[in-house]
């Protein structure tokens, strides 16, 4: 046991010493996040979103850091933090971030220039294995930190008001420091190859490959159906074919590392098997684009379709069927529509949608919450009763049905039953508003106070949605005042 621990600590020390910039980036970014939370600084909200990119860039450069010129560039990665502090928070650029992380990860995998498919797939699987191990252990670490916190809080009755600070610090520390550190530890030994064993053989031969065969049969049956009916394939088929193709060629690479696989005949004919599915993909994709124009998502779908189609063509021969070439192709095509101005996915969407004829559309649905913001006055009332959101004999309670709100006494007798939307209509009218008006904060109080015959019902929260009229999403009674 001691020897095993010494080996782990020794490997951890070597991994940390070999990846100094990655760990410095993690610690600096976490420190900036803490300062932001404490409002010591104001710049740097975007850093958390760009953090994975920084780590992948540094990790890729570290691969060649034994060369003197690359070593300086590797250490220079730390300076990238400075301009990122001033970038805006990418709230509407999820696809850009996702594609960029994918391009950078692909660049890392391609940087080894492994033309042999077996060695390339071994690198891919090593990467996925390290990510999985780091993710699982990070999740366990966070769960343990949470359980320890709540145990101390419960036993010693302390820390009653510090939950948000603790969970912010611990959550970000696990995701920005622990997770990268664990990944570096698990991925440090590149000689730790993926070895086929009984578990991997069972997974490949008796789970994944049979499921893929069933998927193939389903797609072919659907292809035969639309050929006989002579109809267009559904739009969602494009995504299904994309997932199927990625799974097929990924498992085709995994077979190279297996002890034995009875489905090699199936994977050897992968390029021919997917061609009918690709016909459906392109018909469905082009039809949707022709009908509705380009969007950012459809541009990336088109590029993904082009990559998988060219992958099938490359794998028609052993000479060109290299996963390295597929990765380089994907990096190039996705990079073009992501980073080159004028032909970026967002630019293509803007040009395409601006050229479409304008049509009237239904007003967008908006959602918002109205909450009780002012203290409750007892003037003119004899008593105040708290209303619970569950059945209890300790006081009044309510039950929210689909269209009604039912209010009960502590003895279980129904006192009132309201139609939720009718009640809202009456409250809007009482507040001097109409269904087309925007509700100002000054009218919140009027909406939350429901006048009854001999009492006043006060709502704690009123969740609304609005398209052409206001409707109730949720309603929460808070207090019942008797006159």
Protein backbone atom coordinates (compact mmCIF):
# COMPACT_ATOMS: atom_id res chain seq x y z
CA UNK A 1 0.00 0.00 0.00
CA UNK A 2 2.79 2.44 0.95
CA UNK A 3 4.70 1.56 -2.20
CA UNK A 4 1.59 2.15 -4.30
CA UNK A 5 1.01 5.56 -2.67
CA UNK A 6 4.65 6.49 -3.25
CA UNK A 7 4.30 5.57 -6.93
CA UNK A 8 1.14 7.69 -7.24
CA UNK A 9 2.75 10.68 -5.53
CA UNK A 10 5.89 10.29 -7.61
CA UNK A 11 3.87 10.22 -10.83
CA UNK A 12 1.82 13.20 -9.64
CA UNK A 13 5.00 15.16 -8.89
CA UNK A 14 6.42 14.38 -12.34
CA UNK A 15 3.15 15.36 -14.03
CA UNK A 16 2.98 18.67 -12.16
CA UNK A 17 6.64 19.45 -12.89
CA UNK A 18 6.14 18.69 -16.59
CA UNK A 19 3.02 20.89 -16.94
CA UNK A 20 3.82 24.09 -15.00
CA UNK A 21 2.03 26.53 -17.34
CA UNK A 22 -1.23 24.56 -17.35
CA UNK A 23 -1.35 24.51 -13.55
CA UNK A 24 -0.42 28.20 -13.32
CA UNK A 25 -3.23 29.05 -15.76
CA UNK A 26 -5.66 27.03 -13.63
CA UNK A 27 -4.61 28.73 -10.38
CA UNK A 28 -4.55 32.26 -11.85
CA UNK A 29 -7.97 31.84 -13.50
CA UNK A 30 -9.43 30.49 -10.27
CA UNK A 31 -7.95 33.39 -8.28
CA UNK A 32 -9.47 35.88 -10.75
CA UNK A 33 -12.82 34.12 -10.41
CA UNK A 34 -12.64 34.48 -6.62
CA UNK A 35 -11.80 38.20 -6.92
CA UNK A 36 -14.75 38.65 -9.27
CA UNK A 37 -17.09 36.94 -6.83
CA UNK A 38 -15.86 39.16 -4.01
CA UNK A 39 -16.25 42.22 -6.31
CA UNK A 40 -12.59 43.15 -5.82
CA UNK A 41 -12.24 43.42 -9.63
CA UNK A 42 -14.82 43.90 -12.38
CA UNK A 43 -13.08 42.54 -15.49
CA UNK A 44 -12.73 38.86 -16.32
CA UNK A 45 -16.20 37.29 -16.38
CA UNK A 46 -15.44 35.81 -19.79
CA UNK A 47 -12.31 34.04 -18.56
CA UNK A 48 -14.22 31.03 -17.23
CA UNK A 49 -15.67 30.40 -20.72
CA UNK A 50 -12.31 30.68 -22.48
CA UNK A 51 -10.48 28.72 -19.78
CA UNK A 52 -10.73 25.31 -21.57
CA UNK A 53 -9.22 26.85 -24.72
CA UNK A 54 -6.27 28.23 -22.77
CA UNK A 55 -5.63 24.85 -21.21
CA UNK A 56 -5.76 22.98 -24.54
CA UNK A 57 -3.44 25.50 -26.24
CA UNK A 58 -0.90 25.23 -23.41
CA UNK A 59 -1.18 21.42 -23.31
CA UNK A 60 -0.64 21.16 -27.07
CA UNK A 61 2.41 23.44 -27.04
CA UNK A 62 3.81 21.51 -24.09
CA UNK A 63 3.92 18.49 -26.37
CA UNK A 64 6.80 20.12 -28.25
CA UNK A 65 8.24 22.19 -25.40
CA UNK A 66 11.57 20.37 -25.53
CA UNK A 67 12.36 22.56 -28.57
CA UNK A 68 13.82 25.88 -27.48
CA UNK A 69 11.61 28.10 -29.71
CA UNK A 70 8.42 26.30 -28.74
CA UNK A 71 9.40 26.44 -25.05
CA UNK A 72 9.19 30.25 -25.05
CA UNK A 73 5.81 30.17 -26.81
CA UNK A 74 4.62 27.61 -24.26
CA UNK A 75 5.49 29.90 -21.35
CA UNK A 76 4.03 32.83 -23.26
CA UNK A 77 0.58 31.19 -23.05
CA UNK A 78 0.24 32.80 -19.63
CA UNK A 79 0.06 36.22 -21.32
CA UNK A 80 -3.13 35.17 -23.17
CA UNK A 81 -4.98 35.64 -19.90
CA UNK A 82 -4.52 39.43 -20.14
CA UNK A 83 -6.50 40.11 -23.37
CA UNK A 84 -9.13 37.55 -22.38
CA UNK A 85 -9.88 39.60 -19.27
CA UNK A 86 -11.30 42.34 -21.49
CA UNK A 87 -13.43 40.20 -23.80
CA UNK A 88 -17.17 40.26 -23.32
CA UNK A 89 -19.01 37.36 -21.73
CA UNK A 90 -19.98 35.06 -24.66
CA UNK A 91 -23.62 34.57 -23.71
CA UNK A 92 -24.84 33.93 -27.28
CA UNK A 93 -21.74 32.23 -28.69
CA UNK A 94 -22.14 28.70 -27.35
CA UNK A 95 -21.55 27.17 -30.80
CA UNK A 96 -18.42 29.26 -31.34
CA UNK A 97 -16.99 28.09 -28.01
CA UNK A 98 -17.97 24.46 -28.64
CA UNK A 99 -16.48 24.40 -32.15
CA UNK A 100 -13.31 26.17 -30.99
CA UNK A 101 -12.76 23.62 -28.23
CA UNK A 102 -13.31 20.88 -30.82
CA UNK A 103 -10.85 22.45 -33.29
CA UNK A 104 -8.19 22.89 -30.59
CA UNK A 105 -8.66 19.32 -29.34
CA UNK A 106 -8.41 18.06 -32.92
CA UNK A 107 -5.23 20.09 -33.37
CA UNK A 108 -3.75 18.44 -30.27
CA UNK A 109 -4.58 14.97 -31.61
CA UNK A 110 -3.31 15.76 -35.11
CA UNK A 111 -0.10 17.34 -33.81
CA UNK A 112 1.36 13.89 -33.20
CA UNK A 113 1.11 13.23 -36.96
CA UNK A 114 0.24 9.56 -36.43
CA UNK A 115 -0.63 8.16 -39.85
CA UNK A 116 -1.18 4.65 -38.54
CA UNK A 117 -4.87 4.33 -37.66
CA UNK A 118 -4.24 2.02 -34.68
CA UNK A 119 -1.85 4.45 -32.99
CA UNK A 120 -4.08 7.45 -33.77
CA UNK A 121 -7.15 5.76 -32.30
CA UNK A 122 -5.10 4.71 -29.28
CA UNK A 123 -4.29 8.40 -28.70
CA UNK A 124 -7.98 9.33 -29.03
CA UNK A 125 -9.05 6.63 -26.58
CA UNK A 126 -6.29 7.55 -24.13
CA UNK A 127 -7.56 11.14 -24.20
CA UNK A 128 -11.18 10.06 -23.66
CA UNK A 129 -10.14 7.70 -20.86
CA UNK A 130 -8.19 10.43 -19.05
CA UNK A 131 -11.12 12.85 -19.40
CA UNK A 132 -13.53 10.23 -18.06
CA UNK A 133 -11.33 9.35 -15.06
CA UNK A 134 -10.79 13.04 -14.25
CA UNK A 135 -14.51 13.80 -14.59
CA UNK A 136 -15.59 10.92 -12.34
CA UNK A 137 -13.04 11.68 -9.62
CA UNK A 138 -13.81 15.42 -9.78
CA UNK A 139 -17.50 14.63 -9.34
CA UNK A 140 -16.73 12.40 -6.36
CA UNK A 141 -14.52 15.12 -4.86
CA UNK A 142 -17.27 17.72 -5.19
CA UNK A 143 -19.82 15.32 -3.68
CA UNK A 144 -17.50 14.68 -0.71
CA UNK A 145 -16.87 18.40 -0.17
CA UNK A 146 -20.62 19.02 -0.23
CA UNK A 147 -21.39 16.19 2.19
CA UNK A 148 -18.67 17.36 4.62
CA UNK A 149 -20.02 20.92 4.52
CA UNK A 150 -23.60 19.87 5.22
CA UNK A 151 -22.48 17.45 7.94
CA UNK A 152 -20.60 20.17 9.79
CA UNK A 153 -23.46 22.60 9.27
CA UNK A 154 -25.98 20.10 10.66
CA UNK A 155 -23.92 18.77 13.60
CA UNK A 156 -22.48 22.04 14.87
CA UNK A 157 -25.32 24.31 13.67
CA UNK A 158 -22.96 26.79 12.04
CA UNK A 159 -22.49 28.30 8.55
CA UNK A 160 -26.21 28.91 8.16
CA UNK A 161 -25.80 31.74 5.67
CA UNK A 162 -22.61 30.95 3.76
CA UNK A 163 -23.87 28.36 1.27
CA UNK A 164 -23.47 30.45 -1.90
CA UNK A 165 -19.87 31.44 -1.13
CA UNK A 166 -18.84 27.88 -0.21
CA UNK A 167 -20.47 26.28 -3.25
CA UNK A 168 -19.05 28.94 -5.56
CA UNK A 169 -15.50 28.48 -4.25
CA UNK A 170 -15.62 24.68 -4.08
CA UNK A 171 -17.44 24.23 -7.39
CA UNK A 172 -15.09 26.44 -9.35
CA UNK A 173 -12.03 25.00 -7.58
CA UNK A 174 -13.05 21.48 -8.58
CA UNK A 175 -13.79 22.45 -12.19
CA UNK A 176 -10.85 24.82 -12.74
CA UNK A 177 -8.08 23.24 -10.63
CA UNK A 178 -8.92 19.68 -9.56
CA UNK A 179 -10.30 18.49 -12.91
CA UNK A 180 -7.34 19.76 -15.03
CA UNK A 181 -4.85 18.43 -12.45
CA UNK A 182 -6.44 14.98 -12.51
CA UNK A 183 -6.50 14.98 -16.31
CA UNK A 184 -2.81 15.89 -16.45
CA UNK A 185 -2.04 13.12 -13.95
CA UNK A 186 -3.97 10.43 -15.85
CA UNK A 187 -2.76 11.56 -19.27
CA UNK A 188 0.87 12.04 -18.32
CA UNK A 189 2.07 8.53 -19.17
CA UNK A 190 1.55 8.26 -22.95
CA UNK A 191 3.05 4.77 -22.93
CA UNK A 192 0.01 3.53 -20.98
CA UNK A 193 -1.66 2.15 -24.10
CA UNK A 194 -5.28 1.03 -24.36
CA UNK A 195 -5.13 -2.74 -23.87
CA UNK A 196 -7.92 -4.96 -25.12
CA UNK A 197 -9.46 -7.14 -22.43
CA UNK A 198 -12.63 -9.08 -21.77
CA UNK A 199 -14.56 -5.96 -20.78
CA UNK A 200 -13.65 -4.01 -23.93
CA UNK A 201 -14.34 -7.06 -26.11
CA UNK A 202 -17.79 -7.55 -24.54
CA UNK A 203 -18.56 -3.84 -24.89
CA UNK A 204 -17.50 -3.75 -28.54
CA UNK A 205 -18.76 -7.15 -29.70
CA UNK A 206 -21.94 -7.63 -27.70
CA UNK A 207 -23.21 -4.11 -26.99
CA UNK A 208 -22.00 -1.35 -29.33
CA UNK A 209 -21.64 -3.27 -32.60
CA UNK A 210 -25.07 -5.01 -32.36
CA UNK A 211 -26.73 -1.66 -31.57
CA UNK A 212 -25.02 -0.11 -34.59
CA UNK A 213 -26.22 -2.99 -36.78
CA UNK A 214 -29.79 -2.46 -35.59
CA UNK A 215 -29.46 1.26 -36.32
CA UNK A 216 -28.26 0.41 -39.84
CA UNK A 217 -31.29 -1.83 -40.45
CA UNK A 218 -33.64 0.93 -39.22
CA UNK A 219 -32.07 3.50 -41.52
CA UNK A 220 -32.24 1.15 -44.51
CA UNK A 221 -35.90 0.32 -43.82
CA UNK A 222 -36.67 4.04 -43.65
CA UNK A 223 -34.76 4.58 -46.89
CA UNK A 224 -36.83 1.86 -48.59
CA UNK A 225 -40.03 3.41 -47.20
CA UNK A 226 -39.40 6.89 -48.59
CA UNK A 227 -38.31 5.35 -51.93
CA UNK A 228 -41.68 3.54 -52.23
CA UNK A 229 -43.79 6.40 -50.89
CA UNK A 230 -41.65 8.91 -52.81
CA UNK A 231 -41.59 11.45 -49.99
CA UNK A 232 -38.93 13.70 -48.57
CA UNK A 233 -37.01 12.47 -45.49
CA UNK A 234 -37.76 14.18 -42.18
CA UNK A 235 -35.50 17.04 -41.15
CA UNK A 236 -34.35 15.23 -37.99
CA UNK A 237 -32.93 12.40 -40.11
CA UNK A 238 -29.85 14.56 -40.83
CA UNK A 239 -28.84 14.56 -37.16
CA UNK A 240 -29.54 10.81 -36.86
CA UNK A 241 -27.38 10.02 -39.91
CA UNK A 242 -24.63 12.27 -38.56
CA UNK A 243 -24.60 10.47 -35.20
CA UNK A 244 -24.74 7.07 -36.93
CA UNK A 245 -21.79 7.88 -39.21
CA UNK A 246 -19.61 9.19 -36.38
CA UNK A 247 -20.39 6.07 -34.33
CA UNK A 248 -19.67 3.78 -37.28
CA UNK A 249 -16.25 5.21 -38.15
CA UNK A 250 -15.29 5.60 -34.48
CA UNK A 251 -16.00 1.92 -33.77
CA UNK A 252 -14.24 1.00 -37.02
CA UNK A 253 -11.11 2.50 -35.44
CA UNK A 254 -11.72 0.78 -32.10
CA UNK A 255 -11.83 -2.61 -33.83
CA UNK A 256 -8.13 -2.19 -34.65
CA UNK A 257 -7.35 -2.35 -30.91
CA UNK A 258 -9.63 -5.31 -30.08
CA UNK A 259 -8.43 -8.89 -29.57
CA UNK A 260 -11.07 -10.15 -31.97
CA UNK A 261 -14.25 -8.83 -33.54
CA UNK A 262 -16.78 -10.93 -35.50
CA UNK A 263 -18.11 -7.74 -37.15
CA UNK A 264 -14.96 -6.81 -39.06
CA UNK A 265 -16.77 -7.55 -42.33
CA UNK A 266 -19.31 -4.87 -41.38
CA UNK A 267 -16.71 -2.21 -40.54
CA UNK A 268 -14.61 -3.05 -43.64
CA UNK A 269 -17.64 -2.10 -45.79
CA UNK A 270 -18.44 1.03 -43.77
CA UNK A 271 -17.95 3.44 -46.69
CA UNK A 272 -20.44 1.54 -48.86
CA UNK A 273 -22.91 1.01 -46.00
CA UNK A 274 -23.27 4.73 -45.24
CA UNK A 275 -23.82 5.96 -48.82
CA UNK A 276 -27.63 5.42 -48.84
CA UNK A 277 -27.82 7.15 -45.46
CA UNK A 278 -25.81 10.07 -46.86
CA UNK A 279 -28.33 10.45 -49.68
CA UNK A 280 -31.04 10.94 -47.05
CA UNK A 281 -28.81 13.33 -45.14
CA UNK A 282 -28.17 15.60 -48.09
CA UNK A 283 -31.79 15.58 -49.30
CA UNK A 284 -33.07 16.47 -45.81
CA UNK A 285 -30.40 19.13 -45.23
CA UNK A 286 -30.66 20.86 -48.62
CA UNK A 287 -34.46 20.83 -48.43
CA UNK A 288 -34.46 22.52 -45.01
CA UNK A 289 -31.90 25.11 -46.11
CA UNK A 290 -33.79 25.83 -49.32
CA UNK A 291 -37.03 26.22 -47.36
CA UNK A 292 -35.84 28.22 -44.35
CA UNK A 293 -32.41 29.53 -45.32
CA UNK A 294 -29.13 29.18 -43.46
CA UNK A 295 -28.79 29.49 -39.72
CA UNK A 296 -25.57 29.13 -37.74
CA UNK A 297 -26.60 25.60 -36.71
CA UNK A 298 -27.37 24.60 -40.33
CA UNK A 299 -24.01 25.89 -41.54
CA UNK A 300 -22.23 23.67 -39.00
CA UNK A 301 -24.56 20.77 -39.88
CA UNK A 302 -23.60 21.21 -43.53
CA UNK A 303 -19.88 21.23 -42.69
CA UNK A 304 -20.29 18.14 -40.48
CA UNK A 305 -22.09 16.40 -43.35
CA UNK A 306 -19.29 17.34 -45.71
CA UNK A 307 -16.69 15.95 -43.29
CA UNK A 308 -18.45 12.60 -42.83
CA UNK A 309 -19.11 12.29 -46.58
CA UNK A 310 -15.45 12.91 -47.39
CA UNK A 311 -14.51 10.48 -44.59
CA UNK A 312 -16.43 7.72 -46.36
CA UNK A 313 -14.65 8.56 -49.63
CA UNK A 314 -11.22 8.58 -47.93
CA UNK A 315 -11.85 5.15 -46.40
CA UNK A 316 -12.64 3.59 -49.76
CA UNK A 317 -8.92 2.79 -49.99
CA UNK A 318 -6.35 1.85 -47.34
CA UNK A 319 -3.91 4.45 -48.63
CA UNK A 320 -6.19 7.44 -48.00
CA UNK A 321 -8.27 5.96 -45.18
CA UNK A 322 -6.41 7.65 -42.34
CA UNK A 323 -8.02 9.14 -39.23
CA UNK A 324 -5.28 11.76 -39.25
CA UNK A 325 -6.51 13.02 -42.65
CA UNK A 326 -10.09 13.10 -41.39
CA UNK A 327 -9.02 15.17 -38.37
CA UNK A 328 -7.07 17.63 -40.52
CA UNK A 329 -10.04 17.93 -42.86
CA UNK A 330 -12.42 18.65 -39.97
CA UNK A 331 -10.04 21.25 -38.47
CA UNK A 332 -9.74 23.02 -41.83
CA UNK A 333 -13.45 23.12 -42.73
CA UNK A 334 -14.75 24.02 -39.28
CA UNK A 335 -11.97 26.59 -38.89
CA UNK A 336 -12.90 28.30 -42.19
CA UNK A 337 -16.57 28.86 -41.22
CA UNK A 338 -15.69 29.85 -37.66
CA UNK A 339 -12.77 32.27 -37.95
CA UNK A 340 -12.61 33.78 -41.46
CA UNK A 341 -14.64 37.04 -41.61
CA UNK A 342 -17.29 37.19 -44.32
CA UNK A 343 -17.77 33.43 -44.53
CA UNK A 344 -18.23 32.68 -40.85
CA UNK A 345 -21.35 30.74 -39.90
CA UNK A 346 -22.86 33.85 -38.29
CA UNK A 347 -22.15 35.93 -41.43
CA UNK A 348 -23.72 33.29 -43.67
CA UNK A 349 -26.79 33.22 -41.40
CA UNK A 350 -27.09 37.03 -41.48
CA UNK A 351 -26.83 37.21 -45.29
CA UNK A 352 -29.20 34.28 -45.83
CA UNK A 353 -31.88 35.48 -43.42
CA UNK A 354 -31.74 39.09 -44.62
CA UNK A 355 -32.47 37.92 -48.18
CA UNK A 356 -35.52 35.91 -47.14
CA UNK A 357 -38.96 37.48 -47.65
CA UNK A 358 -40.35 38.93 -44.43
CA UNK A 359 -43.31 37.05 -42.99
CA UNK A 360 -45.45 37.84 -40.02
CA UNK A 361 -44.61 35.76 -37.02
CA UNK A 362 -46.38 35.25 -33.75
CA UNK A 363 -45.16 37.52 -30.95
CA UNK A 364 -42.45 35.88 -28.86
CA UNK A 365 -43.40 34.38 -25.53
CA UNK A 366 -41.81 36.11 -22.56
CA UNK A 367 -41.53 34.75 -19.02
CA UNK A 368 -41.04 36.70 -15.82
CA UNK A 369 -41.64 36.45 -12.08
CA UNK A 370 -43.44 38.94 -9.84
CA UNK A 371 -42.31 38.61 -6.24
CA UNK A 372 -43.40 40.10 -2.93
CA UNK A 373 -40.90 42.89 -2.27
CA UNK A 374 -42.51 44.91 0.53
CA UNK A 375 -43.34 44.05 4.16
CA UNK A 376 -46.90 42.98 4.99
CA UNK A 377 -48.94 45.45 7.07
CA UNK A 378 -51.45 44.05 9.61
CA UNK A 379 -53.35 47.33 9.90
CA UNK A 380 -57.10 46.61 9.70
CA UNK A 381 -56.68 42.85 10.19
CA UNK A 382 -56.95 40.68 13.31
CA UNK A 383 -54.51 37.90 12.37
CA UNK A 384 -51.98 36.72 9.82
CA UNK A 385 -51.67 33.06 8.79
CA UNK A 386 -48.73 31.56 6.91
CA UNK A 387 -49.82 29.43 3.96
CA UNK A 388 -47.80 26.26 3.27
CA UNK A 389 -47.22 24.63 -0.10
CA UNK A 390 -47.89 21.14 1.26
CA UNK A 391 -50.74 19.50 3.18
CA UNK A 392 -50.33 20.05 6.91
CA UNK A 393 -52.37 20.29 10.11
CA UNK A 394 -50.09 23.06 11.41
CA UNK A 395 -51.70 25.77 9.31
CA UNK A 396 -53.35 26.71 6.03
CA UNK A 397 -52.05 25.21 2.81
CA UNK A 398 -52.72 25.39 -0.93
CA UNK A 399 -52.73 23.00 -3.86
CA UNK A 400 -51.90 24.12 -7.39
CA UNK A 401 -53.77 22.22 -10.07
CA UNK A 402 -53.36 22.67 -13.81
CA UNK A 403 -55.93 25.48 -14.05
CA UNK A 404 -57.01 26.08 -10.47
CA UNK A 405 -55.63 27.22 -7.12
CA UNK A 406 -57.29 25.64 -4.05
CA UNK A 407 -56.86 27.10 -0.56
CA UNK A 408 -57.46 24.91 2.54
CA UNK A 409 -57.79 25.54 6.26
CA UNK A 410 -55.59 23.75 8.80
CA UNK A 411 -58.46 21.28 9.28
CA UNK A 412 -58.42 20.35 5.60
CA UNK A 413 -61.59 22.20 4.61
CA UNK A 414 -61.46 23.99 1.24
CA UNK A 415 -61.89 27.72 1.76
CA UNK A 416 -61.50 29.00 -1.81
CA UNK A 417 -61.01 27.63 -5.30
CA UNK A 418 -59.79 30.02 -7.99
CA UNK A 419 -59.44 29.62 -11.73
CA UNK A 420 -55.84 30.78 -12.13
CA UNK A 421 -56.16 32.64 -15.43
CA UNK A 422 -59.51 34.23 -14.48
CA UNK A 423 -57.97 35.37 -11.20
CA UNK A 424 -55.03 36.89 -13.10
CA UNK A 425 -57.38 38.71 -15.51
CA UNK A 426 -59.27 40.24 -12.58
CA UNK A 427 -56.02 41.27 -10.86
CA UNK A 428 -54.67 42.91 -14.03
CA UNK A 429 -57.92 44.88 -14.41
CA UNK A 430 -57.83 45.88 -10.71
CA UNK A 431 -54.25 47.13 -11.16
CA UNK A 432 -55.44 49.41 -13.97
CA UNK A 433 -53.63 47.47 -16.69
CA UNK A 434 -54.60 45.67 -19.89
CA UNK A 435 -53.34 42.46 -21.47
CA UNK A 436 -51.17 44.45 -23.89
CA UNK A 437 -49.48 46.54 -21.17
CA UNK A 438 -46.03 45.92 -19.75
CA UNK A 439 -46.35 45.41 -16.01
CA UNK A 440 -44.22 47.97 -14.11
CA UNK A 441 -42.76 47.16 -10.69
CA UNK A 442 -44.99 49.80 -9.14
CA UNK A 443 -48.02 47.58 -9.90
CA UNK A 444 -46.56 44.36 -8.50
CA UNK A 445 -48.12 44.97 -5.09
CA UNK A 446 -51.61 45.34 -6.59
CA UNK A 447 -51.26 42.08 -8.50
CA UNK A 448 -50.09 40.16 -5.44
CA UNK A 449 -52.92 41.30 -3.13
CA UNK A 450 -56.23 39.47 -3.67
CA UNK A 451 -59.21 41.06 -1.90
CA UNK A 452 -61.63 38.48 -0.46
CA UNK A 453 -64.95 39.01 1.36
CA UNK A 454 -63.51 39.09 4.88
CA UNK A 455 -59.81 38.55 4.27
CA UNK A 456 -56.79 39.44 2.17
CA UNK A 457 -54.77 36.81 0.33
CA UNK A 458 -51.18 37.83 -0.38
CA UNK A 459 -49.14 36.01 -3.00
CA UNK A 460 -45.42 35.47 -2.47
CA UNK A 461 -44.69 34.86 -6.14
CA UNK A 462 -46.58 35.04 -9.42
CA UNK A 463 -44.85 33.54 -12.48
CA UNK A 464 -46.31 34.71 -15.77
CA UNK A 465 -45.88 34.08 -19.47
CA UNK A 466 -47.00 36.50 -22.16
CA UNK A 467 -47.48 36.19 -25.90
CA UNK A 468 -50.72 37.94 -26.83
CA UNK A 469 -52.24 37.66 -23.32
CA UNK A 470 -50.93 37.04 -19.82
CA UNK A 471 -51.20 33.52 -18.42
CA UNK A 472 -50.14 31.97 -15.12
CA UNK A 473 -47.17 29.60 -15.09
CA UNK A 474 -47.07 29.30 -11.30
CA UNK A 475 -48.75 30.96 -8.34
CA UNK A 476 -47.63 30.78 -4.71
CA UNK A 477 -49.87 32.12 -1.89
CA UNK A 478 -47.83 33.37 1.07
CA UNK A 479 -50.14 34.90 3.74
CA UNK A 480 -53.84 34.96 4.65
CA UNK A 481 -54.99 38.02 6.66
CA UNK A 482 -58.34 37.86 8.48
CA UNK A 483 -60.36 41.01 9.16
